[in-house]
């Protein structure tokens, strides 16, 4: 399948800010306003909000209408999601896919926005997994340098493949977004182990597909947007999990279903995001977080051993619900070089 990389914005351009999932921007304005300010002042872009962006409980039709308007507007050169959520799957049947195909634009989002990224992939349009306005752009204190470097390359484009980096530090614990004190200093980070390589005796290069594992599981259950296994042959699968902290059993079961469907073995390489291992609902301590991440990695290894024993894997890549976060092109070329221990992407 051939993929189109939409033209990138330039400083001074208008970009859309939408909430295809949740209108949390209306309830939690502090990170949202900070994210908008950084888009303007640090990236030189002019964000344009759409009607449902700050509306909690906006209908699927209202959110679909915002997406249609953003993609169809000739003055808009990119589309950014405010944040994720949990019901974007209800928007999918309302989307005018021919409109999206006719007006391709870079779309940035992750988590529940995996739904729209899958839709764009099926249309042959490259999207971008990462870069939420309220999270990455609205990070307290400052953008993490690694996040900013990746975001700039993804937003504005680069003529050369972009090499992902091992950060050496990671953050799990966050402050309350309704508390102004949260934004007075950067989040506390802790040392992070490097990437963990599995069957790294080859080089794999291909278009990427994947996203948030929980959202993909819902798409599988609804039989929506998931194509026949042959469509993914030779692609690089990337996966990550959310702040809901799915159990290792759940992670294994989702991958087992992908295996039973014939999907898992189609991917010659897998990038597994560093596990999100803390939330306000489950405030795990350092040892508990390490144990949770270890169990999740073991679950992925088990599924690969059973359904894709020849697949190369890289664990603890900083994508998805991580701080720092590196943007992964969705449908763009990813090169996983096992012998050199390098991952490069084309934005």
Protein backbone atom coordinates (compact mmCIF):
# COMPACT_ATOMS: atom_id res chain seq x y z
CA UNK A 1 0.00 0.00 0.00
CA UNK A 2 1.33 3.43 -0.93
CA UNK A 3 1.01 6.18 1.65
CA UNK A 4 0.69 9.93 1.11
CA UNK A 5 2.57 12.23 3.47
CA UNK A 6 0.47 15.41 3.62
CA UNK A 7 2.30 18.75 3.22
CA UNK A 8 3.59 20.14 6.51
CA UNK A 9 2.69 23.49 8.06
CA UNK A 10 5.07 26.42 8.11
CA UNK A 11 5.51 29.03 10.85
CA UNK A 12 2.66 31.50 10.61
CA UNK A 13 0.15 28.92 9.34
CA UNK A 14 -3.23 28.26 10.90
CA UNK A 15 -3.68 24.82 12.48
CA UNK A 16 -6.85 23.23 13.82
CA UNK A 17 -7.29 22.20 17.44
CA UNK A 18 -10.10 19.69 17.91
CA UNK A 19 -11.44 17.26 20.50
CA UNK A 20 -12.57 14.16 18.61
CA UNK A 21 -12.87 12.28 21.91
CA UNK A 22 -13.24 14.25 25.13
CA UNK A 23 -13.88 17.95 25.76
CA UNK A 24 -11.61 18.01 28.82
CA UNK A 25 -10.14 21.28 27.55
CA UNK A 26 -13.26 22.96 28.89
CA UNK A 27 -12.94 21.44 32.36
CA UNK A 28 -9.15 21.75 32.65
CA UNK A 29 -8.15 24.98 30.90
CA UNK A 30 -4.66 25.34 32.45
CA UNK A 31 -2.80 22.72 30.36
CA UNK A 32 -4.94 23.53 27.32
CA UNK A 33 -4.20 27.26 27.37
CA UNK A 34 -0.52 26.52 27.96
CA UNK A 35 -0.50 24.17 24.99
CA UNK A 36 -2.14 26.79 22.78
CA UNK A 37 0.40 29.38 23.90
CA UNK A 38 3.29 27.09 23.03
CA UNK A 39 1.84 26.38 19.61
CA UNK A 40 1.76 30.15 19.03
CA UNK A 41 4.92 31.36 20.72
CA UNK A 42 7.30 28.39 20.48
CA UNK A 43 6.18 26.83 17.21
CA UNK A 44 4.93 29.96 15.45
CA UNK A 45 1.58 28.42 14.51
CA UNK A 46 -1.86 29.97 14.87
CA UNK A 47 -4.25 27.52 16.57
CA UNK A 48 -7.91 27.66 15.55
CA UNK A 49 -10.39 26.05 17.92
CA UNK A 50 -13.51 24.35 16.61
CA UNK A 51 -16.95 24.46 18.28
CA UNK A 52 -16.79 21.19 20.24
CA UNK A 53 -13.18 21.54 21.39
CA UNK A 54 -14.07 22.63 24.95
CA UNK A 55 -17.48 20.93 25.19
CA UNK A 56 -17.77 17.96 27.54
CA UNK A 57 -20.40 15.59 26.26
CA UNK A 58 -20.32 16.86 22.69
CA UNK A 59 -22.21 14.46 20.44
CA UNK A 60 -20.38 12.21 17.98
CA UNK A 61 -21.98 14.26 15.18
CA UNK A 62 -20.61 17.54 16.59
CA UNK A 63 -17.13 16.07 16.84
CA UNK A 64 -17.32 14.60 13.34
CA UNK A 65 -18.47 17.99 12.02
CA UNK A 66 -15.41 19.64 13.59
CA UNK A 67 -13.11 17.16 11.89
CA UNK A 68 -14.80 17.68 8.54
CA UNK A 69 -14.54 21.46 8.87
CA UNK A 70 -10.89 21.31 9.92
CA UNK A 71 -9.80 19.02 7.11
CA UNK A 72 -11.84 20.86 4.45
CA UNK A 73 -10.66 24.37 5.38
CA UNK A 74 -7.94 25.36 2.88
CA UNK A 75 -6.34 27.72 5.40
CA UNK A 76 -5.75 24.92 7.92
CA UNK A 77 -2.45 23.10 7.34
CA UNK A 78 -2.48 20.58 10.23
CA UNK A 79 -4.91 19.18 12.79
CA UNK A 80 -4.03 18.67 16.47
CA UNK A 81 -6.10 16.78 19.03
CA UNK A 82 -6.55 18.43 22.40
CA UNK A 83 -6.47 15.10 24.24
CA UNK A 84 -7.79 11.55 24.07
CA UNK A 85 -10.84 9.98 25.69
CA UNK A 86 -12.77 6.74 25.38
CA UNK A 87 -15.56 6.95 22.80
CA UNK A 88 -14.10 8.14 19.50
CA UNK A 89 -15.20 4.82 18.04
CA UNK A 90 -18.73 6.31 17.96
CA UNK A 91 -17.49 9.10 15.67
CA UNK A 92 -16.07 6.76 13.04
CA UNK A 93 -19.38 5.81 11.33
CA UNK A 94 -20.14 9.52 10.85
CA UNK A 95 -16.89 10.43 9.13
CA UNK A 96 -16.91 11.42 5.48
CA UNK A 97 -13.88 9.41 4.44
CA UNK A 98 -13.93 10.79 0.91
CA UNK A 99 -13.62 14.30 2.35
CA UNK A 100 -10.67 13.20 4.46
CA UNK A 101 -9.07 11.51 1.48
CA UNK A 102 -9.60 14.59 -0.71
CA UNK A 103 -8.11 16.99 1.86
CA UNK A 104 -5.22 15.13 3.53
CA UNK A 105 -3.54 16.96 6.39
CA UNK A 106 -1.11 15.98 9.13
CA UNK A 107 -3.12 14.81 12.14
CA UNK A 108 -1.50 14.61 15.58
CA UNK A 109 -2.98 12.55 18.39
CA UNK A 110 -2.73 9.29 20.30
CA UNK A 111 -4.59 7.26 22.92
CA UNK A 112 -8.27 7.29 21.80
CA UNK A 113 -7.16 9.13 18.65
CA UNK A 114 -5.84 5.77 17.49
CA UNK A 115 -9.33 5.49 15.97
CA UNK A 116 -8.77 8.36 13.56
CA UNK A 117 -5.19 7.30 12.85
CA UNK A 118 -6.47 3.87 11.80
CA UNK A 119 -9.04 5.56 9.56
CA UNK A 120 -6.40 7.73 7.88
CA UNK A 121 -4.10 4.70 7.45
CA UNK A 122 -6.89 2.86 5.66
CA UNK A 123 -7.19 5.88 3.34
CA UNK A 124 -3.47 5.78 2.62
CA UNK A 125 -2.74 9.00 4.53
CA UNK A 126 0.16 9.22 6.99
CA UNK A 127 -0.78 10.44 10.49
CA UNK A 128 1.26 11.17 13.61
CA UNK A 129 0.96 9.26 16.88
CA UNK A 130 1.71 11.82 19.58
CA UNK A 131 1.67 15.54 20.26
CA UNK A 132 -1.57 16.22 22.19
CA UNK A 133 -2.12 19.90 22.95
CA UNK A 134 -2.99 19.36 26.62
CA UNK A 135 -0.26 16.82 27.36
CA UNK A 136 2.90 17.30 25.33
CA UNK A 137 2.43 20.96 24.38
CA UNK A 138 0.85 21.69 27.78
CA UNK A 139 3.52 19.93 29.85
CA UNK A 140 4.18 21.78 33.14
CA UNK A 141 7.33 23.86 33.34
CA UNK A 142 8.65 23.28 29.84
CA UNK A 143 8.54 20.90 26.93
CA UNK A 144 10.98 18.07 27.49
CA UNK A 145 13.88 18.63 25.05
CA UNK A 146 13.51 15.16 23.54
CA UNK A 147 9.78 15.67 23.05
CA UNK A 148 10.32 19.09 21.51
CA UNK A 149 12.98 17.79 19.12
CA UNK A 150 10.68 15.01 17.93
CA UNK A 151 7.65 17.29 17.70
CA UNK A 152 9.48 19.90 15.63
CA UNK A 153 10.72 17.27 13.20
CA UNK A 154 7.24 15.73 12.91
CA UNK A 155 5.31 19.01 12.65
CA UNK A 156 7.55 20.84 10.22
CA UNK A 157 9.15 17.86 8.47
CA UNK A 158 12.72 16.93 7.79
CA UNK A 159 14.52 15.85 4.66
CA UNK A 160 16.37 13.09 6.49
CA UNK A 161 15.20 10.08 8.50
CA UNK A 162 14.81 11.03 12.17
CA UNK A 163 16.57 8.83 14.71
CA UNK A 164 14.72 8.09 17.92
CA UNK A 165 16.74 8.45 21.12
CA UNK A 166 16.96 6.67 24.45
CA UNK A 167 16.24 9.43 26.99
CA UNK A 168 17.90 8.05 30.11
CA UNK A 169 15.04 9.48 32.21
CA UNK A 170 11.30 9.06 32.40
CA UNK A 171 8.37 10.47 34.33
CA UNK A 172 5.37 8.68 35.78
CA UNK A 173 3.87 10.80 38.57
CA UNK A 174 1.95 13.91 37.54
CA UNK A 175 0.24 16.73 39.39
CA UNK A 176 -3.40 17.73 39.28
CA UNK A 177 -4.23 19.76 36.18
CA UNK A 178 -6.76 21.86 38.08
CA UNK A 179 -4.02 23.06 40.47
CA UNK A 180 -1.97 26.06 39.26
CA UNK A 181 0.95 24.87 41.41
CA UNK A 182 1.33 21.88 39.08
CA UNK A 183 2.49 24.20 36.31
CA UNK A 184 5.08 26.07 38.37
CA UNK A 185 7.78 23.42 37.82
CA UNK A 186 8.61 20.54 35.52
CA UNK A 187 7.53 17.01 36.46
CA UNK A 188 9.99 15.00 38.51
CA UNK A 189 11.78 12.43 36.35
CA UNK A 190 13.72 9.36 37.39
CA UNK A 191 16.42 7.27 35.70
CA UNK A 192 15.16 5.07 32.90
CA UNK A 193 16.66 1.91 31.52
CA UNK A 194 17.49 1.72 27.84
CA UNK A 195 15.60 -0.09 25.14
CA UNK A 196 15.42 -3.87 25.42
CA UNK A 197 15.99 -5.75 22.15
CA UNK A 198 14.61 -9.18 21.27
CA UNK A 199 15.74 -11.18 18.22
CA UNK A 200 17.73 -8.17 17.09
CA UNK A 201 19.69 -9.95 14.37
CA UNK A 202 18.18 -8.22 11.34
CA UNK A 203 17.00 -4.94 9.83
CA UNK A 204 13.29 -4.36 9.25
CA UNK A 205 11.89 -1.39 7.35
CA UNK A 206 8.27 -0.75 6.51
CA UNK A 207 5.20 1.42 7.09
CA UNK A 208 4.02 1.62 10.69
CA UNK A 209 0.67 0.61 12.17
CA UNK A 210 -0.63 0.17 15.71
CA UNK A 211 -1.19 2.67 18.51
CA UNK A 212 -2.90 2.28 21.85
CA UNK A 213 -3.49 -1.39 22.63
CA UNK A 214 -6.78 -0.86 24.45
CA UNK A 215 -8.27 1.13 21.57
CA UNK A 216 -7.11 -1.45 19.04
CA UNK A 217 -8.83 -4.12 21.12
CA UNK A 218 -12.11 -2.19 20.90
CA UNK A 219 -11.76 -1.86 17.14
CA UNK A 220 -11.17 -5.60 16.96
CA UNK A 221 -14.29 -6.27 19.04
CA UNK A 222 -16.41 -3.92 16.93
CA UNK A 223 -14.85 -5.25 13.73
CA UNK A 224 -14.26 -1.67 12.66
CA UNK A 225 -11.26 -0.41 10.72
CA UNK A 226 -9.19 -3.60 11.06
CA UNK A 227 -8.30 -5.02 7.65
CA UNK A 228 -7.46 -8.52 6.51
CA UNK A 229 -4.13 -9.79 7.91
CA UNK A 230 -2.41 -9.60 4.52
CA UNK A 231 -2.79 -5.79 4.54
CA UNK A 232 -0.21 -5.56 7.35
CA UNK A 233 2.44 -7.84 5.89
CA UNK A 234 5.85 -6.24 6.26
CA UNK A 235 4.62 -3.39 8.47
CA UNK A 236 6.24 -2.34 11.74
CA UNK A 237 3.78 -2.73 14.62
CA UNK A 238 4.00 -0.26 17.50
CA UNK A 239 1.93 -0.55 20.67
CA UNK A 240 1.50 1.25 23.97
CA UNK A 241 -0.82 1.21 26.95
CA UNK A 242 -2.59 3.98 28.83
CA UNK A 243 -2.96 5.38 32.33
CA UNK A 244 -5.74 2.84 32.91
CA UNK A 245 -2.89 0.38 33.48
CA UNK A 246 -4.28 -2.77 31.85
CA UNK A 247 -3.10 -5.94 33.56
CA UNK A 248 -0.48 -8.18 32.01
CA UNK A 249 -3.21 -10.78 31.52
CA UNK A 250 -5.29 -8.29 29.53
CA UNK A 251 -2.29 -7.28 27.41
CA UNK A 252 -1.56 -10.92 26.65
CA UNK A 253 -5.19 -11.68 25.81
CA UNK A 254 -5.46 -8.80 23.34
CA UNK A 255 -2.28 -9.93 21.62
CA UNK A 256 -3.50 -13.52 21.70
CA UNK A 257 -6.65 -12.44 19.85
CA UNK A 258 -4.51 -10.59 17.31
CA UNK A 259 -2.54 -13.80 16.93
CA UNK A 260 -5.63 -15.95 16.51
CA UNK A 261 -6.88 -13.54 13.87
CA UNK A 262 -3.63 -13.99 11.96
CA UNK A 263 -2.47 -10.42 12.51
CA UNK A 264 0.50 -10.71 14.83
CA UNK A 265 2.67 -12.87 12.61
CA UNK A 266 2.36 -10.38 9.74
CA UNK A 267 4.59 -7.86 11.50
CA UNK A 268 8.33 -8.58 11.24
CA UNK A 269 9.09 -6.03 13.98
CA UNK A 270 7.29 -4.65 17.03
CA UNK A 271 8.03 -1.50 19.03
CA UNK A 272 6.51 -1.69 22.52
CA UNK A 273 6.15 1.60 24.34
CA UNK A 274 7.51 2.11 27.83
CA UNK A 275 4.63 1.06 30.07
CA UNK A 276 2.64 3.81 31.73
CA UNK A 277 2.71 2.60 35.32
CA UNK A 278 1.13 5.26 37.53
CA UNK A 279 -2.24 6.99 37.76
CA UNK A 280 -4.25 8.84 40.37
CA UNK A 281 -6.42 5.74 40.66
CA UNK A 282 -3.38 3.48 41.08
CA UNK A 283 -0.49 5.51 42.52
CA UNK A 284 2.12 2.75 42.40
CA UNK A 285 5.47 3.19 44.10
CA UNK A 286 8.80 2.73 42.30
CA UNK A 287 9.11 -1.01 43.00
CA UNK A 288 5.48 -1.63 42.08
CA UNK A 289 5.92 0.31 38.84
CA UNK A 290 8.98 -1.72 37.90
CA UNK A 291 7.14 -4.96 38.64
CA UNK A 292 4.13 -3.86 36.58
CA UNK A 293 6.33 -3.00 33.59
CA UNK A 294 8.19 -6.29 33.88
CA UNK A 295 4.94 -8.27 33.89
CA UNK A 296 3.70 -6.39 30.84
CA UNK A 297 6.91 -7.09 28.94
CA UNK A 298 6.66 -10.77 29.86
CA UNK A 299 3.09 -10.86 28.55
CA UNK A 300 4.17 -9.42 25.19
CA UNK A 301 7.08 -11.85 24.95
CA UNK A 302 4.71 -14.74 25.68
CA UNK A 303 2.32 -13.71 22.91
CA UNK A 304 5.16 -13.26 20.43
CA UNK A 305 6.62 -16.66 21.31
CA UNK A 306 3.28 -18.31 20.63
CA UNK A 307 2.14 -16.41 17.52
CA UNK A 308 5.12 -14.59 16.00
CA UNK A 309 8.29 -16.37 17.15
CA UNK A 310 10.43 -14.84 14.40
CA UNK A 311 9.36 -11.23 15.03
CA UNK A 312 11.97 -8.77 16.27
CA UNK A 313 10.85 -6.60 19.21
CA UNK A 314 12.11 -3.51 20.99
CA UNK A 315 10.71 -2.80 24.45
CA UNK A 316 10.56 0.46 26.44
CA UNK A 317 10.54 2.76 23.43
CA UNK A 318 9.38 6.20 24.55
CA UNK A 319 6.15 6.53 22.58
CA UNK A 320 2.55 7.07 23.58
CA UNK A 321 1.74 7.72 27.26
CA UNK A 322 5.34 8.52 28.18
CA UNK A 323 7.30 11.55 29.33
CA UNK A 324 9.34 12.31 27.32
CA UNK A 325 7.39 11.24 24.25
CA UNK A 326 8.65 10.70 20.72
CA UNK A 327 6.20 10.99 17.84
CA UNK A 328 5.75 7.92 15.64
CA UNK A 329 4.54 8.41 12.06
CA UNK A 330 1.42 6.34 11.43
CA UNK A 331 1.88 4.82 7.99
CA UNK A 332 5.25 6.48 7.61
CA UNK A 333 8.43 4.48 7.16
CA UNK A 334 10.06 3.04 10.28
CA UNK A 335 13.44 1.32 10.14
CA UNK A 336 14.42 -0.98 13.00
CA UNK A 337 18.11 -1.85 12.79
CA UNK A 338 18.76 -4.68 15.24
CA UNK A 339 22.52 -5.09 14.80
CA UNK A 340 23.09 -1.31 15.12
CA UNK A 341 20.45 -0.90 17.86
CA UNK A 342 18.90 2.05 16.03
CA UNK A 343 15.33 3.11 15.22
CA UNK A 344 14.72 5.75 12.57
CA UNK A 345 11.46 7.15 11.25
CA UNK A 346 10.44 9.29 8.30
CA UNK A 347 8.16 12.17 9.26
